[in-house]
Amino acid sequence: MKEKIDKPVFHTVGAAADSLGRECYVVGGYVRDLMLGRESKDIDFVTVGSGIEVARAVSRQLRGHLAVYKNFGTAQVKKGALELEFVGARKESYNRDSRKPIVEDGTLDDDLARRDFTINAMALCVNAGRFGELVDRYNGCADLRDGLIRTPLDPDITFSDDPLRMMRAIRFATQLQFTIVEDTFKAIQRNAHRISIISRERVYDELTKMMKAAKPSIGWELLMKSGLLKLIFPELAAMKGVEIVNGVGHKDNFYHTLSVVDNVCAVSDNVWLRWAALFHDIGKPVSKRFDRQLGWTFHGHNATGAKMVPRIFRRMKFPMNEHMKYVQKLVELHMRPIALVEDEVTDSAVRRMLFEAGDDVDDLMTLCGADITSKNREKVERFRANFELVKQKMVELEERDRIRNFQPPVNGTEIMQTFGLGECHEVGIIKERIKNAILDGEIPNDHTPAREFMLAFAASELGLKPVGGQ
């Protein structure tokens, strides 16, 4: 392992530790990622003794910025893109009602034992006499090789002490596409209820990291099987299962949703588009009805789902900002392109979709393309062919009519000045009618035809005439 850390920064830290007579090790995620050949920005060091003293010495050597957190016994050294974290080896004990540990000074073995998983419980020595020596008390190297997630100590104690580790186990299994060993996973199932003591912000952080993985469905399925999903995201858990009436069943909307998420991930790194994919059918359990003629229906599930989005975001401590509005918009509109594919693709319908989706129309089309998951190959091919027609028509209409995010070329001020009106209901009626005329293709998206249309409509429908000979 010596060659893997044969870099100036590790020799500098080792020399600083040697000058103080301290053992010092690179630990945790950096060691794991080093062995996996993955990029890792943050480098964590554990020293036997004061980590802050070693950090001070390193800061002097590197002439970097030092930040000391005495309450936590940690320090950070920044130098350019380098971020080095230092802490003294410690052992921990927990109060059952809190994940905040009672910390005491400890040995390296104590420190490795308190780590969440064996693959994160390895250390590489940076002291000159043992430079590059691997300390692997819990066979983390073998678990990395075999693709396994397990805890160093009794998993029931590990997860009961800090229930966030259950989320981390599932997140690592998703990111690395590793398997959680049976006894560890069963301990997650037994301790799932303990997630209640974890702040929703911390749960959100883990879910976001999971959603940035190549195949988030791995994590969502594990959350379901572990019993955690119904506790942190009951609306999604409610989508699982197939109900049968008179021999007629519907597809499992939970597994369909996971397929859509993975389809989006295959073509986009936009994490909020991935969230929109996860939420797109969230209204189906509420909207589900059985009709003797039609079978199972989910009428209006897109509008129902859009109304649910802000409530779920607020409860789960997701950001209540433009990201929420983006997800809500895509959930509301996700049926629109599919309806175009199934029906005749009219210019008017495409214009309206362009107008309502605005700058997010390309993401909407990506989501809807991902939503085509039928096992009927002929149906999928037909949908995809029609989908291309919709895309082509979108390009043609956008080039010609400039619909995306358009504002009617006659605004409210001009309407009021033309007819001598103040702010009133009639102004809104005229604006809406001009907008619809453009979207329906009655008039082009230009000022002169829009003004002529306004004058004719106002006279015939509202009895209004321009003032002052306008």
Protein backbone atom coordinates (compact mmCIF):
# COMPACT_ATOMS: atom_id res chain seq x y z
CA MET A 1 0.00 0.00 0.00
CA LYS A 2 3.02 2.27 0.34
CA GLU A 3 2.95 3.32 -3.30
CA LYS A 4 -0.73 4.37 -3.06
CA ILE A 5 0.07 7.16 -0.59
CA ASP A 6 3.57 7.97 -1.80
CA LYS A 7 2.71 11.66 -2.15
CA PRO A 8 4.27 14.75 -0.54
CA VAL A 9 1.22 15.54 1.62
CA PHE A 10 1.34 12.16 3.38
CA HIS A 11 5.09 12.40 4.00
CA THR A 12 4.57 15.94 5.37
CA VAL A 13 1.86 14.76 7.80
CA GLY A 14 3.96 11.75 8.80
CA ALA A 15 7.00 13.96 9.52
CA ALA A 16 4.87 16.36 11.60
CA ALA A 17 3.48 13.44 13.61
CA ASP A 18 6.98 11.97 14.08
CA SER A 19 8.25 15.31 15.38
CA LEU A 20 5.62 15.09 18.15
CA GLY A 21 6.08 11.38 18.79
CA ARG A 22 2.53 10.61 17.63
CA GLU A 23 1.21 7.64 15.67
CA CYS A 24 -0.77 8.95 12.68
CA TYR A 25 -2.97 7.16 10.15
CA VAL A 26 -5.06 7.93 7.07
CA VAL A 27 -8.46 6.39 7.82
CA GLY A 28 -12.00 5.81 6.63
CA GLY A 29 -13.42 6.74 3.27
CA TYR A 30 -10.12 7.89 1.78
CA VAL A 31 -8.54 4.47 2.34
CA ARG A 32 -11.64 2.73 0.99
CA ASP A 33 -11.74 4.88 -2.15
CA LEU A 34 -7.99 4.55 -2.64
CA MET A 35 -8.39 0.77 -2.82
CA LEU A 36 -11.36 1.07 -5.16
CA GLY A 37 -9.57 3.53 -7.44
CA ARG A 38 -12.21 6.20 -6.79
CA GLU A 39 -11.65 9.95 -6.44
CA SER A 40 -11.82 11.23 -2.86
CA LYS A 41 -11.33 14.88 -1.94
CA ASP A 42 -11.34 14.82 1.86
CA ILE A 43 -8.48 13.12 3.71
CA ASP A 44 -9.09 12.08 7.33
CA PHE A 45 -6.25 11.41 9.78
CA VAL A 46 -6.41 9.78 13.19
CA THR A 47 -3.59 10.27 15.68
CA VAL A 48 -3.02 8.43 18.92
CA GLY A 49 -3.05 11.49 21.15
CA SER A 50 -4.06 15.03 20.23
CA GLY A 51 -5.06 15.43 16.60
CA ILE A 52 -5.13 19.19 17.05
CA GLU A 53 -1.39 19.27 17.92
CA VAL A 54 -0.54 17.34 14.75
CA ALA A 55 -2.79 19.64 12.70
CA ARG A 56 -0.96 22.69 14.05
CA ALA A 57 2.39 21.18 13.07
CA VAL A 58 1.11 20.26 9.59
CA SER A 59 -0.32 23.74 9.12
CA ARG A 60 3.07 25.27 9.87
CA GLN A 61 4.78 22.93 7.39
CA LEU A 62 2.26 23.54 4.60
CA ARG A 63 1.60 27.18 5.50
CA GLY A 64 -2.08 26.32 5.20
CA HIS A 65 -5.19 27.66 6.90
CA LEU A 66 -5.87 26.04 10.27
CA ALA A 67 -9.31 25.72 11.83
CA VAL A 68 -9.56 24.22 15.34
CA TYR A 69 -12.77 22.83 16.84
CA LYS A 70 -11.84 22.28 20.47
CA ASN A 71 -15.31 21.14 21.53
CA PHE A 72 -15.03 18.22 19.12
CA GLY A 73 -11.30 17.64 19.48
CA THR A 74 -10.82 18.07 15.73
CA ALA A 75 -8.92 20.39 13.42
CA GLN A 76 -8.83 21.07 9.69
CA VAL A 77 -5.94 22.22 7.50
CA LYS A 78 -6.70 23.72 4.10
CA LYS A 79 -4.06 24.38 1.46
CA GLY A 80 -5.34 25.04 -2.05
CA ALA A 81 -7.57 22.12 -3.05
CA LEU A 82 -6.31 20.03 -0.11
CA GLU A 83 -8.62 19.51 2.89
CA LEU A 84 -7.06 17.56 5.74
CA GLU A 85 -9.09 16.58 8.81
CA PHE A 86 -7.38 15.56 12.08
CA VAL A 87 -8.82 13.90 15.17
CA GLY A 88 -7.40 12.02 18.10
CA ALA A 89 -8.22 8.30 18.39
CA ARG A 90 -11.27 7.84 20.56
CA LYS A 91 -13.83 5.42 21.87
CA GLU A 92 -17.53 6.15 22.15
CA SER A 93 -20.59 5.19 24.19
CA TYR A 94 -24.18 6.24 23.52
CA ASN A 95 -27.33 7.29 25.33
CA ARG A 96 -30.31 5.43 23.85
CA ASP A 97 -32.24 8.62 23.06
CA SER A 98 -29.47 10.37 21.15
CA ARG A 99 -26.98 9.61 18.41
CA LYS A 100 -24.49 12.03 20.00
CA PRO A 101 -21.77 9.87 21.56
CA ILE A 102 -19.98 10.25 24.88
CA VAL A 103 -16.37 10.46 23.69
CA GLU A 104 -13.17 9.43 25.49
CA ASP A 105 -9.56 9.22 24.38
CA GLY A 106 -8.77 5.79 23.00
CA THR A 107 -6.36 3.61 21.05
CA LEU A 108 -6.31 3.08 17.30
CA ASP A 109 -8.18 -0.19 17.85
CA ASP A 110 -10.87 1.67 19.81
CA ASP A 111 -11.19 4.15 16.98
CA LEU A 112 -11.48 1.54 14.23
CA ALA A 113 -14.01 -0.46 16.27
CA ARG A 114 -16.39 2.53 16.45
CA ARG A 115 -16.46 2.87 12.63
CA ASP A 116 -19.71 2.10 10.83
CA PHE A 117 -18.58 -0.60 8.37
CA THR A 118 -15.54 -2.82 7.88
CA ILE A 119 -14.76 -1.14 4.54
CA ASN A 120 -14.47 2.16 6.43
CA ALA A 121 -12.48 0.68 9.35
CA MET A 122 -9.05 0.46 7.74
CA ALA A 123 -6.06 2.69 8.41
CA LEU A 124 -2.79 3.43 6.59
CA CYS A 125 0.16 4.54 8.72
CA VAL A 126 2.02 7.69 7.60
CA ASN A 127 4.82 7.62 10.19
CA ALA A 128 8.20 7.25 8.50
CA GLY A 129 9.09 3.91 10.13
CA ARG A 130 5.80 2.23 9.10
CA PHE A 131 4.83 4.37 6.09
CA GLY A 132 2.08 2.69 4.03
CA GLU A 133 1.45 -0.13 6.54
CA LEU A 134 -2.21 -1.22 6.41
CA VAL A 135 -4.10 -1.81 9.68
CA ASP A 136 -7.16 -3.95 8.88
CA ARG A 137 -8.55 -5.49 12.08
CA TYR A 138 -11.96 -6.38 10.61
CA ASN A 139 -11.07 -7.73 7.15
CA GLY A 140 -12.33 -4.64 5.36
CA CYS A 141 -9.96 -5.33 2.48
CA ALA A 142 -11.62 -8.72 1.87
CA ASP A 143 -15.10 -7.17 2.10
CA LEU A 144 -14.06 -4.56 -0.46
CA ARG A 145 -12.86 -7.31 -2.76
CA ASP A 146 -16.08 -9.31 -2.28
CA GLY A 147 -18.40 -6.30 -2.46
CA LEU A 148 -19.88 -6.68 1.04
CA ILE A 149 -21.24 -4.23 3.61
CA ARG A 150 -21.03 -5.35 7.25
CA THR A 151 -20.41 -3.73 10.62
CA PRO A 152 -17.14 -4.26 12.55
CA LEU A 153 -19.00 -5.11 15.77
CA ASP A 154 -22.49 -6.39 16.66
CA PRO A 155 -24.79 -4.73 14.06
CA ASP A 156 -27.67 -4.37 16.54
CA ILE A 157 -25.46 -2.27 18.80
CA THR A 158 -23.99 -0.35 15.85
CA PHE A 159 -27.41 0.62 14.47
CA SER A 160 -29.12 1.20 17.80
CA ASP A 161 -26.28 3.51 18.89
CA ASP A 162 -26.38 5.55 15.70
CA PRO A 163 -29.43 4.75 13.54
CA LEU A 164 -28.16 6.98 10.71
CA ARG A 165 -25.75 4.13 9.98
CA MET A 166 -28.71 2.14 8.63
CA MET A 167 -29.21 4.81 5.97
CA ARG A 168 -25.46 4.89 5.31
CA ALA A 169 -25.37 1.10 4.83
CA ILE A 170 -28.05 1.35 2.17
CA ARG A 171 -26.43 4.40 0.59
CA PHE A 172 -23.03 2.65 0.32
CA ALA A 173 -24.70 -0.49 -1.05
CA THR A 174 -26.28 1.73 -3.71
CA GLN A 175 -23.23 3.81 -4.59
CA LEU A 176 -20.81 0.87 -4.69
CA GLN A 177 -23.40 -1.71 -5.81
CA PHE A 178 -22.31 -3.90 -2.87
CA THR A 179 -24.40 -6.44 -0.94
CA ILE A 180 -25.37 -5.88 2.70
CA VAL A 181 -24.59 -9.18 4.46
CA GLU A 182 -27.59 -11.02 5.90
CA ASP A 183 -27.00 -10.50 9.62
CA THR A 184 -26.31 -6.81 9.07
CA PHE A 185 -29.46 -6.36 6.97
CA LYS A 186 -31.60 -8.23 9.50
CA ALA A 187 -30.27 -5.88 12.19
CA ILE A 188 -31.43 -2.93 10.06
CA GLN A 189 -34.90 -4.50 9.91
CA ARG A 190 -34.92 -5.00 13.69
CA ASN A 191 -33.75 -1.46 14.40
CA ALA A 192 -35.63 0.43 11.68
CA HIS A 193 -37.89 2.12 14.25
CA ARG A 194 -34.79 3.82 15.73
CA ILE A 195 -34.63 6.09 12.67
CA SER A 196 -37.12 8.33 14.51
CA ILE A 197 -34.30 9.90 16.57
CA ILE A 198 -32.45 11.03 13.43
CA SER A 199 -33.10 14.53 12.12
CA ARG A 200 -34.87 14.71 8.78
CA GLU A 201 -32.05 16.89 7.45
CA ARG A 202 -29.57 14.02 7.96
CA VAL A 203 -31.93 11.54 6.32
CA TYR A 204 -32.35 13.96 3.38
CA ASP A 205 -28.55 14.18 3.00
CA GLU A 206 -28.26 10.39 2.74
CA LEU A 207 -31.15 10.14 0.29
CA THR A 208 -29.62 12.83 -1.92
CA LYS A 209 -26.28 11.02 -2.03
CA MET A 210 -28.15 7.84 -2.89
CA MET A 211 -30.05 9.58 -5.69
CA LYS A 212 -26.76 10.68 -7.26
CA ALA A 213 -25.66 7.04 -7.65
CA ALA A 214 -25.71 5.32 -11.03
CA LYS A 215 -28.67 3.10 -10.05
CA PRO A 216 -30.71 4.58 -7.17
CA SER A 217 -33.33 1.81 -7.43
CA ILE A 218 -30.97 -0.44 -5.46
CA GLY A 219 -31.29 1.83 -2.43
CA TRP A 220 -35.04 2.43 -2.70
CA GLU A 221 -35.70 -1.32 -2.87
CA LEU A 222 -33.46 -1.89 0.18
CA LEU A 223 -35.27 0.87 2.04
CA MET A 224 -38.55 -0.87 1.26
CA LYS A 225 -37.34 -4.33 2.30
CA SER A 226 -35.73 -3.01 5.48
CA GLY A 227 -38.90 -1.33 6.72
CA LEU A 228 -37.28 2.11 6.69
CA LEU A 229 -39.21 3.42 3.68
CA LYS A 230 -42.63 3.36 5.34
CA LEU A 231 -41.15 5.38 8.21
CA ILE A 232 -39.35 8.06 6.19
CA PHE A 233 -41.41 8.19 2.97
CA PRO A 234 -44.80 6.48 3.52
CA GLU A 235 -46.28 7.92 0.30
CA LEU A 236 -43.73 6.01 -1.76
CA ALA A 237 -44.14 2.83 0.30
CA ALA A 238 -47.90 3.03 -0.37
CA MET A 239 -47.22 2.52 -4.08
CA LYS A 240 -45.95 -1.03 -3.61
CA GLY A 241 -48.18 -3.98 -4.38
CA VAL A 242 -50.84 -5.05 -6.84
CA GLU A 243 -54.54 -5.00 -6.03
CA ILE A 244 -56.82 -7.43 -7.87
CA VAL A 245 -60.59 -7.01 -8.32
CA ASN A 246 -62.65 -9.42 -10.44
CA GLY A 247 -59.43 -10.96 -11.67
CA VAL A 248 -58.10 -7.60 -12.92
CA GLY A 249 -54.86 -6.21 -11.45
CA HIS A 250 -52.76 -3.14 -12.09
CA LYS A 251 -48.97 -2.93 -12.37
CA ASP A 252 -46.87 -2.46 -9.24
CA ASN A 253 -46.39 1.31 -9.29
CA PHE A 254 -43.46 1.17 -6.87
CA TYR A 255 -41.33 -1.00 -9.12
CA HIS A 256 -42.49 0.88 -12.20
CA THR A 257 -41.30 4.10 -10.53
CA LEU A 258 -37.89 2.59 -9.79
CA SER A 259 -37.56 1.64 -13.46
CA VAL A 260 -38.38 5.21 -14.49
CA VAL A 261 -35.78 6.60 -12.04
CA ASP A 262 -33.08 4.30 -13.42
CA ASN A 263 -34.07 5.19 -17.00
CA VAL A 264 -33.63 8.90 -16.18
CA CYS A 265 -30.28 8.20 -14.49
CA ALA A 266 -29.03 6.50 -17.66
CA VAL A 267 -29.34 9.79 -19.58
CA SER A 268 -29.15 12.61 -16.99
CA ASP A 269 -27.09 13.60 -13.94
CA ASN A 270 -29.70 16.19 -12.93
CA VAL A 271 -30.57 15.03 -9.40
CA TRP A 272 -33.81 17.06 -9.33
CA LEU A 273 -34.98 15.43 -12.54
CA ARG A 274 -34.29 12.11 -10.79
CA TRP A 275 -36.40 13.26 -7.84
CA ALA A 276 -39.18 14.25 -10.27
CA ALA A 277 -39.03 10.72 -11.69
CA LEU A 278 -39.38 9.28 -8.18
CA PHE A 279 -42.37 11.55 -7.44
CA HIS A 280 -44.07 11.39 -10.85
CA ASP A 281 -46.72 8.79 -9.89
CA ILE A 282 -46.86 9.62 -6.17
CA GLY A 283 -50.56 10.52 -6.53
CA LYS A 284 -51.59 7.10 -7.84
CA PRO A 285 -52.44 5.38 -4.52
CA VAL A 286 -54.78 8.28 -3.68
CA SER A 287 -56.33 8.41 -7.17
CA LYS A 288 -56.75 4.66 -7.71
CA ARG A 289 -60.28 3.53 -8.58
CA PHE A 290 -61.78 0.34 -10.05
CA ASP A 291 -64.33 0.74 -12.83
CA ARG A 292 -66.27 -2.29 -14.14
CA GLN A 293 -65.89 -1.15 -17.75
CA LEU A 294 -62.46 0.50 -17.64
CA GLY A 295 -60.70 -1.57 -14.98
CA TRP A 296 -58.18 0.25 -12.79
CA THR A 297 -57.95 4.00 -13.32
CA PHE A 298 -55.72 6.71 -11.85
CA HIS A 299 -57.53 9.78 -13.20
CA GLY A 300 -55.95 13.06 -12.16
CA HIS A 301 -53.02 11.40 -10.38
CA ASN A 302 -50.65 13.97 -11.90
CA ALA A 303 -52.57 16.91 -10.39
CA THR A 304 -53.00 15.05 -7.09
CA GLY A 305 -49.28 14.24 -7.02
CA ALA A 306 -48.35 17.86 -7.74
CA LYS A 307 -50.38 18.97 -4.71
CA MET A 308 -48.63 16.38 -2.55
CA VAL A 309 -45.10 17.50 -3.50
CA PRO A 310 -44.88 20.63 -1.27
CA ARG A 311 -46.26 18.74 1.74
CA ILE A 312 -43.75 15.92 1.32
CA PHE A 313 -40.85 18.33 0.73
CA ARG A 314 -41.77 20.28 3.87
CA ARG A 315 -42.08 17.19 6.07
CA MET A 316 -38.88 15.59 4.79
CA LYS A 317 -36.94 18.90 5.06
CA PHE A 318 -36.25 19.10 1.33
CA PRO A 319 -35.50 22.63 0.09
CA MET A 320 -38.70 24.68 -0.31
CA ASN A 321 -37.35 26.67 -3.25
CA GLU A 322 -37.16 26.54 -7.03
CA HIS A 323 -36.17 22.86 -6.85
CA MET A 324 -39.50 22.01 -5.22
CA LYS A 325 -41.37 24.06 -7.84
CA TYR A 326 -39.44 22.29 -10.61
CA VAL A 327 -40.34 18.82 -9.28
CA GLN A 328 -43.96 19.91 -8.77
CA LYS A 329 -44.18 21.23 -12.33
CA LEU A 330 -42.81 18.04 -13.88
CA VAL A 331 -45.12 15.86 -11.78
CA GLU A 332 -48.11 17.96 -12.91
CA LEU A 333 -47.13 17.88 -16.60
CA HIS A 334 -45.68 14.40 -16.93
CA MET A 335 -48.81 13.00 -18.62
CA ARG A 336 -48.92 15.74 -21.26
CA PRO A 337 -46.38 14.33 -23.75
CA ILE A 338 -47.82 10.83 -23.32
CA ALA A 339 -51.29 12.17 -24.16
CA LEU A 340 -49.82 13.72 -27.32
CA VAL A 341 -48.26 10.41 -28.26
CA GLU A 342 -51.53 8.53 -27.79
CA ASP A 343 -53.68 11.11 -29.60
CA GLU A 344 -53.20 13.16 -32.75
CA VAL A 345 -50.21 15.45 -32.36
CA THR A 346 -51.80 18.86 -32.97
CA ASP A 347 -49.89 22.12 -33.19
CA SER A 348 -52.14 23.62 -30.52
CA ALA A 349 -51.43 20.85 -27.97
CA VAL A 350 -47.68 21.08 -28.57
CA ARG A 351 -47.74 24.88 -28.25
CA ARG A 352 -49.53 24.61 -24.91
CA MET A 353 -47.05 22.08 -23.61
CA LEU A 354 -44.15 24.31 -24.67
CA PHE A 355 -45.76 27.29 -22.98
CA GLU A 356 -46.54 25.53 -19.69
CA ALA A 357 -43.22 23.67 -19.40
CA GLY A 358 -41.09 26.65 -20.44
CA ASP A 359 -37.36 26.07 -20.02
CA ASP A 360 -38.06 22.70 -18.41
CA VAL A 361 -39.67 21.18 -21.50
CA ASP A 362 -36.57 19.19 -22.46
CA ASP A 363 -36.42 17.67 -18.96
CA LEU A 364 -40.15 16.92 -19.21
CA MET A 365 -39.57 15.04 -22.44
CA THR A 366 -36.69 13.12 -20.84
CA LEU A 367 -38.95 12.13 -17.93
CA CYS A 368 -41.75 11.05 -20.23
CA GLY A 369 -39.40 9.05 -22.43
CA ALA A 370 -38.18 7.27 -19.30
CA ASP A 371 -41.81 6.59 -18.31
CA ILE A 372 -42.34 4.30 -21.31
CA THR A 373 -41.71 0.97 -19.55
CA SER A 374 -44.31 -1.44 -20.97
CA LYS A 375 -43.26 -5.10 -21.34
CA ASN A 376 -45.06 -5.03 -24.70
CA ARG A 377 -42.15 -4.36 -27.03
CA GLU A 378 -44.37 -3.42 -29.99
CA LYS A 379 -46.20 -0.85 -27.84
CA VAL A 380 -42.92 0.65 -26.64
CA GLU A 381 -41.58 0.94 -30.20
CA ARG A 382 -44.81 2.62 -31.35
CA PHE A 383 -44.70 5.07 -28.44
CA ARG A 384 -41.07 5.89 -29.09
CA ALA A 385 -41.72 6.52 -32.79
CA ASN A 386 -44.62 8.85 -31.95
CA PHE A 387 -42.47 10.49 -29.29
CA GLU A 388 -39.95 11.45 -31.98
CA LEU A 389 -42.78 13.07 -33.96
CA VAL A 390 -43.69 15.17 -30.92
CA LYS A 391 -40.06 16.24 -30.50
CA GLN A 392 -39.81 17.18 -34.18
CA LYS A 393 -43.00 19.23 -33.99
CA MET A 394 -41.71 20.95 -30.84
CA VAL A 395 -38.59 22.08 -32.69
CA GLU A 396 -40.57 23.34 -35.70
CA LEU A 397 -43.11 25.28 -33.63
CA GLU A 398 -40.48 26.76 -31.33
CA GLU A 399 -38.46 28.01 -34.30
CA ARG A 400 -41.54 29.51 -35.92
CA ASP A 401 -43.67 30.73 -33.01
CA ARG A 402 -41.17 31.32 -30.14
CA ILE A 403 -43.64 29.85 -27.63
CA ARG A 404 -41.33 28.75 -24.82
CA ASN A 405 -41.71 31.23 -21.94
CA PHE A 406 -43.44 33.72 -24.23
CA GLN A 407 -45.36 36.74 -22.94
CA PRO A 408 -48.33 37.91 -25.05
CA PRO A 409 -47.08 40.71 -27.35
CA VAL A 410 -49.89 42.96 -26.10
CA ASN A 411 -49.52 43.49 -22.35
CA GLY A 412 -51.92 44.73 -19.68
CA THR A 413 -50.66 48.31 -19.79
CA GLU A 414 -51.36 48.60 -23.52
CA ILE A 415 -54.84 47.12 -23.08
CA MET A 416 -55.70 49.62 -20.32
CA GLN A 417 -54.35 52.58 -22.33
CA THR A 418 -56.14 51.50 -25.51
CA PHE A 419 -59.58 51.22 -23.90
CA GLY A 420 -59.17 53.76 -21.09
CA LEU A 421 -59.48 51.06 -18.40
CA GLY A 422 -58.06 50.75 -14.92
CA GLU A 423 -57.10 47.40 -13.41
CA CYS A 424 -60.19 45.27 -13.91
CA HIS A 425 -61.55 41.85 -14.86
CA GLU A 426 -61.87 42.78 -18.56
CA VAL A 427 -58.10 43.35 -18.90
CA GLY A 428 -57.44 39.79 -17.70
CA ILE A 429 -60.06 38.38 -20.08
CA ILE A 430 -58.46 40.13 -23.07
CA LYS A 431 -54.94 39.02 -22.12
CA GLU A 432 -56.05 35.41 -21.67
CA ARG A 433 -57.90 35.41 -25.01
CA ILE A 434 -54.86 36.77 -26.87
CA LYS A 435 -52.65 34.12 -25.24
CA ASN A 436 -55.06 31.34 -26.21
CA ALA A 437 -55.36 32.65 -29.77
CA ILE A 438 -51.58 32.42 -30.16
CA LEU A 439 -51.36 28.97 -28.55
CA ASP A 440 -54.24 27.71 -30.73
CA GLY A 441 -52.59 29.05 -33.87
CA GLU A 442 -55.34 31.57 -34.66
CA ILE A 443 -52.78 34.38 -34.87
CA PRO A 444 -48.95 34.49 -34.99
CA ASN A 445 -46.93 35.50 -31.94
CA ASP A 446 -46.35 39.10 -33.12
CA HIS A 447 -47.55 42.51 -31.95
CA THR A 448 -49.52 43.72 -34.99
CA PRO A 449 -51.79 40.67 -35.44
CA ALA A 450 -52.19 40.41 -31.66
CA ARG A 451 -53.32 44.07 -31.45
CA GLU A 452 -55.76 43.64 -34.32
CA PHE A 453 -57.17 40.55 -32.63
CA MET A 454 -57.50 42.48 -29.36
CA LEU A 455 -59.49 45.29 -30.97
CA ALA A 456 -61.86 42.89 -32.73
CA PHE A 457 -62.40 40.69 -29.68
CA ALA A 458 -62.91 43.60 -27.29
CA ALA A 459 -65.51 45.15 -29.61
CA SER A 460 -67.47 41.99 -30.39
CA GLU A 461 -67.36 40.23 -27.02
CA LEU A 462 -67.00 43.01 -24.46
CA GLY A 463 -68.44 46.05 -26.26
CA LEU A 464 -65.22 48.02 -25.75
CA LYS A 465 -63.93 50.66 -28.14
CA PRO A 466 -60.49 52.31 -28.19
CA VAL A 467 -60.31 55.81 -26.73
CA GLY A 468 -58.88 58.82 -28.49
CA GLY A 469 -58.97 57.25 -31.94
CA GLN A 470 -56.30 54.66 -31.19
